Amino acid sequence: MPIEVRLPTVLRSHAGGRSTVQVDGSTIREVLEELATSYPGLKGQIIADNGALHRFVNVYVNDDDVRYLDNLDTKVSSGDVVSILPAVAGGCRAIQREPEG
């Protein structure tokens, strides 16, 4: 069953520049395994050495975060859209200004 996987800009180079790819699978685990087989450079970017999602990578099925569903065992069906998003963190410390005058 084809599942559309949307890739962020930072991962597209590992998939030949594609923003979306089609893979088969009935769970997120199967989708990510198929993705890693088709595009080997993606595996290390998404999956940690222990087989879990990297801490700062979020995966969504139709806008629902898999961490709040069944994680890698979340079921997917034909027509579902899986989005992979690296977390964005950080910021800037407030700049302290010298008093004028």
N, C-alpha and C. Protein backbone atom coordinates (compact mmCIF):
# COMPACT_ATOMS: atom_id res chain seq x y z
N MET A 1 0.84 -1.18 0.00
CA MET A 1 0.00 0.00 0.00
C MET A 1 0.88 1.24 0.00
N PRO A 2 0.72 2.11 -0.96
CA PRO A 2 1.60 3.29 -1.03
C PRO A 2 1.26 4.34 0.04
N ILE A 3 2.31 4.77 0.70
CA ILE A 3 2.21 5.82 1.72
C ILE A 3 3.08 6.98 1.25
N GLU A 4 2.54 8.19 1.27
CA GLU A 4 3.31 9.37 0.92
C GLU A 4 4.10 9.82 2.13
N VAL A 5 5.40 10.00 1.94
CA VAL A 5 6.27 10.50 3.01
C VAL A 5 6.80 11.86 2.57
N ARG A 6 6.56 12.86 3.41
CA ARG A 6 7.04 14.22 3.13
C ARG A 6 8.34 14.45 3.89
N LEU A 7 9.33 14.94 3.16
CA LEU A 7 10.65 15.15 3.73
C LEU A 7 10.96 16.65 3.84
N PRO A 8 11.55 17.06 4.96
CA PRO A 8 11.94 18.46 5.09
C PRO A 8 13.16 18.75 4.22
N THR A 9 13.40 19.99 3.99
CA THR A 9 14.51 20.42 3.14
C THR A 9 15.84 19.82 3.56
N VAL A 10 16.11 19.74 4.85
CA VAL A 10 17.42 19.25 5.33
C VAL A 10 17.63 17.76 5.04
N LEU A 11 16.59 17.00 4.75
CA LEU A 11 16.74 15.57 4.47
C LEU A 11 16.62 15.23 2.98
N ARG A 12 16.23 16.18 2.18
CA ARG A 12 15.97 15.90 0.77
C ARG A 12 17.20 15.46 0.00
N SER A 13 18.36 15.91 0.38
CA SER A 13 19.58 15.51 -0.34
C SER A 13 19.80 14.00 -0.24
N HIS A 14 19.28 13.36 0.81
CA HIS A 14 19.42 11.92 0.98
C HIS A 14 18.41 11.15 0.13
N ALA A 15 17.47 11.86 -0.47
CA ALA A 15 16.43 11.23 -1.29
C ALA A 15 16.43 11.82 -2.70
N GLY A 16 17.61 12.16 -3.19
CA GLY A 16 17.72 12.68 -4.55
C GLY A 16 17.04 14.02 -4.76
N GLY A 17 16.90 14.81 -3.68
CA GLY A 17 16.28 16.12 -3.78
C GLY A 17 14.77 16.12 -3.72
N ARG A 18 14.18 14.96 -3.57
CA ARG A 18 12.71 14.86 -3.55
C ARG A 18 12.12 15.41 -2.25
N SER A 19 10.98 16.08 -2.36
CA SER A 19 10.28 16.56 -1.18
C SER A 19 9.27 15.54 -0.68
N THR A 20 8.82 14.65 -1.56
CA THR A 20 7.93 13.55 -1.18
C THR A 20 8.38 12.28 -1.88
N VAL A 21 8.18 11.17 -1.21
CA VAL A 21 8.46 9.85 -1.79
C VAL A 21 7.30 8.93 -1.43
N GLN A 22 7.15 7.87 -2.20
CA GLN A 22 6.12 6.86 -1.94
C GLN A 22 6.82 5.58 -1.47
N VAL A 23 6.35 5.03 -0.36
CA VAL A 23 6.87 3.76 0.13
C VAL A 23 5.69 2.90 0.59
N ASP A 24 5.95 1.62 0.79
CA ASP A 24 4.93 0.70 1.29
C ASP A 24 5.16 0.41 2.76
N GLY A 25 4.10 0.03 3.44
CA GLY A 25 4.19 -0.36 4.83
C GLY A 25 2.83 -0.25 5.50
N SER A 26 2.67 -1.01 6.58
CA SER A 26 1.40 -0.96 7.31
C SER A 26 1.57 -0.33 8.69
N THR A 27 2.83 -0.07 9.08
CA THR A 27 3.12 0.65 10.32
C THR A 27 4.21 1.67 10.03
N ILE A 28 4.37 2.61 10.94
CA ILE A 28 5.45 3.60 10.79
C ILE A 28 6.80 2.90 10.73
N ARG A 29 7.00 1.87 11.54
CA ARG A 29 8.25 1.12 11.52
C ARG A 29 8.54 0.58 10.12
N GLU A 30 7.54 -0.04 9.49
CA GLU A 30 7.71 -0.59 8.14
C GLU A 30 7.96 0.52 7.12
N VAL A 31 7.26 1.62 7.27
CA VAL A 31 7.46 2.75 6.35
C VAL A 31 8.89 3.27 6.46
N LEU A 32 9.38 3.44 7.69
CA LEU A 32 10.74 3.95 7.88
C LEU A 32 11.79 2.94 7.43
N GLU A 33 11.53 1.65 7.61
CA GLU A 33 12.46 0.63 7.13
C GLU A 33 12.54 0.64 5.61
N GLU A 34 11.39 0.74 4.95
CA GLU A 34 11.35 0.82 3.49
C GLU A 34 12.03 2.10 3.00
N LEU A 35 11.81 3.19 3.71
CA LEU A 35 12.46 4.46 3.38
C LEU A 35 13.97 4.32 3.47
N ALA A 36 14.45 3.67 4.54
CA ALA A 36 15.89 3.47 4.73
C ALA A 36 16.48 2.54 3.69
N THR A 37 15.70 1.56 3.25
CA THR A 37 16.17 0.64 2.20
C THR A 37 16.30 1.38 0.87
N SER A 38 15.31 2.20 0.56
CA SER A 38 15.32 2.94 -0.70
C SER A 38 16.30 4.11 -0.70
N TYR A 39 16.48 4.72 0.48
CA TYR A 39 17.35 5.90 0.62
C TYR A 39 18.21 5.71 1.87
N PRO A 40 19.28 4.92 1.77
CA PRO A 40 20.07 4.54 2.95
C PRO A 40 20.58 5.71 3.79
N GLY A 41 20.83 6.85 3.20
CA GLY A 41 21.32 8.00 3.95
C GLY A 41 20.33 8.55 4.96
N LEU A 42 19.06 8.21 4.80
CA LEU A 42 18.03 8.73 5.70
C LEU A 42 18.00 8.00 7.04
N LYS A 43 18.37 6.73 7.06
CA LYS A 43 18.22 5.95 8.28
C LYS A 43 18.89 6.59 9.49
N GLY A 44 20.15 6.95 9.36
CA GLY A 44 20.88 7.55 10.47
C GLY A 44 20.36 8.92 10.86
N GLN A 45 19.62 9.55 9.97
CA GLN A 45 19.05 10.86 10.27
C GLN A 45 17.74 10.77 11.05
N ILE A 46 17.09 9.61 10.97
CA ILE A 46 15.76 9.46 11.55
C ILE A 46 15.74 8.48 12.73
N ILE A 47 16.47 7.37 12.58
CA ILE A 47 16.44 6.30 13.57
C ILE A 47 17.75 6.28 14.36
N ALA A 48 17.64 6.21 15.69
CA ALA A 48 18.81 6.13 16.58
C ALA A 48 19.38 4.71 16.56
N ASP A 49 20.56 4.55 17.11
CA ASP A 49 21.22 3.24 17.16
C ASP A 49 20.38 2.18 17.89
N ASN A 50 19.56 2.62 18.83
CA ASN A 50 18.73 1.67 19.59
C ASN A 50 17.44 1.29 18.86
N GLY A 51 17.25 1.81 17.64
CA GLY A 51 16.07 1.47 16.84
C GLY A 51 14.88 2.39 17.04
N ALA A 52 14.98 3.32 17.97
CA ALA A 52 13.90 4.28 18.23
C ALA A 52 14.08 5.52 17.34
N LEU A 53 13.05 6.34 17.30
CA LEU A 53 13.19 7.62 16.61
C LEU A 53 14.25 8.46 17.32
N HIS A 54 15.04 9.19 16.55
CA HIS A 54 15.96 10.15 17.16
C HIS A 54 15.15 11.11 18.03
N ARG A 55 15.75 11.53 19.10
CA ARG A 55 15.09 12.39 20.07
C ARG A 55 14.51 13.67 19.47
N PHE A 56 15.22 14.24 18.52
CA PHE A 56 14.80 15.51 17.95
C PHE A 56 14.20 15.39 16.55
N VAL A 57 13.64 14.23 16.26
CA VAL A 57 12.92 14.02 15.00
C VAL A 57 11.48 13.69 15.34
N ASN A 58 10.57 14.41 14.74
CA ASN A 58 9.14 14.17 14.95
C ASN A 58 8.55 13.56 13.68
N VAL A 59 7.70 12.57 13.87
CA VAL A 59 7.03 11.91 12.75
C VAL A 59 5.53 12.03 12.98
N TYR A 60 4.84 12.46 11.94
CA TYR A 60 3.40 12.67 12.01
C TYR A 60 2.70 11.81 10.97
N VAL A 61 1.55 11.28 11.33
CA VAL A 61 0.66 10.60 10.38
C VAL A 61 -0.59 11.46 10.30
N ASN A 62 -0.81 12.05 9.13
CA ASN A 62 -1.98 12.91 8.96
C ASN A 62 -2.10 13.94 10.09
N ASP A 63 -1.01 14.59 10.43
CA ASP A 63 -0.94 15.66 11.43
C ASP A 63 -0.97 15.19 12.88
N ASP A 64 -0.95 13.87 13.13
CA ASP A 64 -0.91 13.35 14.50
C ASP A 64 0.50 12.83 14.80
N ASP A 65 1.08 13.30 15.89
CA ASP A 65 2.42 12.89 16.31
C ASP A 65 2.40 11.42 16.73
N VAL A 66 3.25 10.59 16.11
CA VAL A 66 3.25 9.16 16.43
C VAL A 66 3.65 8.87 17.87
N ARG A 67 4.36 9.79 18.51
CA ARG A 67 4.74 9.57 19.91
C ARG A 67 3.52 9.56 20.82
N TYR A 68 2.43 10.17 20.38
CA TYR A 68 1.19 10.18 21.16
C TYR A 68 0.20 9.14 20.65
N LEU A 69 0.62 8.36 19.68
CA LEU A 69 -0.20 7.26 19.17
C LEU A 69 0.48 5.97 19.64
N ASP A 70 0.90 5.13 18.70
CA ASP A 70 1.59 3.88 19.05
C ASP A 70 3.05 3.90 18.64
N ASN A 71 3.63 5.11 18.58
CA ASN A 71 5.03 5.29 18.23
C ASN A 71 5.33 4.58 16.91
N LEU A 72 6.38 3.77 16.84
CA LEU A 72 6.74 3.12 15.59
C LEU A 72 5.73 2.06 15.16
N ASP A 73 4.89 1.62 16.07
CA ASP A 73 3.87 0.63 15.74
C ASP A 73 2.55 1.27 15.30
N THR A 74 2.54 2.57 15.12
CA THR A 74 1.35 3.27 14.63
C THR A 74 0.98 2.74 13.25
N LYS A 75 -0.27 2.36 13.09
CA LYS A 75 -0.76 1.82 11.81
C LYS A 75 -0.93 2.94 10.79
N VAL A 76 -0.65 2.60 9.54
CA VAL A 76 -0.88 3.52 8.42
C VAL A 76 -1.65 2.77 7.34
N SER A 77 -2.37 3.52 6.55
CA SER A 77 -3.17 2.95 5.46
C SER A 77 -2.88 3.71 4.18
N SER A 78 -3.21 3.08 3.08
CA SER A 78 -3.05 3.71 1.77
C SER A 78 -3.72 5.07 1.79
N GLY A 79 -3.02 6.06 1.30
CA GLY A 79 -3.55 7.42 1.27
C GLY A 79 -3.11 8.27 2.45
N ASP A 80 -2.56 7.64 3.50
CA ASP A 80 -2.06 8.41 4.63
C ASP A 80 -0.83 9.20 4.21
N VAL A 81 -0.59 10.29 4.90
CA VAL A 81 0.59 11.11 4.66
C VAL A 81 1.44 11.11 5.92
N VAL A 82 2.70 10.72 5.77
CA VAL A 82 3.66 10.71 6.87
C VAL A 82 4.60 11.88 6.65
N SER A 83 4.73 12.72 7.67
CA SER A 83 5.64 13.87 7.60
C SER A 83 6.75 13.68 8.62
N ILE A 84 7.98 13.89 8.17
CA ILE A 84 9.14 13.79 9.05
C ILE A 84 9.68 15.19 9.25
N LEU A 85 9.77 15.60 10.52
CA LEU A 85 10.20 16.96 10.83
C LEU A 85 11.25 16.96 11.93
N PRO A 86 12.44 17.45 11.62
CA PRO A 86 13.41 17.63 12.70
C PRO A 86 12.92 18.75 13.61
N ALA A 87 13.11 18.57 14.90
CA ALA A 87 12.68 19.59 15.85
C ALA A 87 13.52 20.84 15.67
N VAL A 88 12.89 21.96 15.88
CA VAL A 88 13.58 23.25 15.82
C VAL A 88 13.68 23.76 17.25
N ALA A 89 14.89 24.06 17.66
CA ALA A 89 15.09 24.52 19.03
C ALA A 89 16.14 25.63 19.04
N GLY A 90 16.25 26.24 20.17
CA GLY A 90 17.27 27.28 20.32
C GLY A 90 16.64 28.64 20.37
N GLY A 91 17.44 29.61 20.14
CA GLY A 91 16.96 30.97 20.20
C GLY A 91 18.11 31.90 20.51
N CYS A 92 17.77 33.05 20.93
CA CYS A 92 18.75 34.08 21.20
C CYS A 92 18.53 34.63 22.60
N ARG A 93 19.61 34.81 23.31
CA ARG A 93 19.50 35.44 24.63
C ARG A 93 19.15 36.90 24.44
N ALA A 94 18.41 37.42 25.37
CA ALA A 94 18.05 38.84 25.32
C ALA A 94 19.32 39.67 25.44
N ILE A 95 19.39 40.69 24.66
CA ILE A 95 20.55 41.58 24.70
C ILE A 95 20.31 42.65 25.75
N GLN A 96 21.25 42.78 26.64
CA GLN A 96 21.11 43.81 27.68
C GLN A 96 21.73 45.09 27.15
N ARG A 97 20.99 46.15 27.25
CA ARG A 97 21.48 47.44 26.78
C ARG A 97 21.95 48.28 27.96
N GLU A 98 22.96 49.04 27.65
CA GLU A 98 23.44 49.99 28.66
C GLU A 98 22.44 51.13 28.76
N PRO A 99 22.16 51.59 29.95
CA PRO A 99 21.25 52.74 30.09
C PRO A 99 21.80 53.96 29.36
N GLU A 100 20.92 54.67 28.72
CA GLU A 100 21.36 55.87 28.01
C GLU A 100 21.46 57.03 29.00
N GLY A 101 22.41 57.88 28.72
CA GLY A 101 22.49 59.12 29.46
C GLY A 101 23.44 59.17 30.50
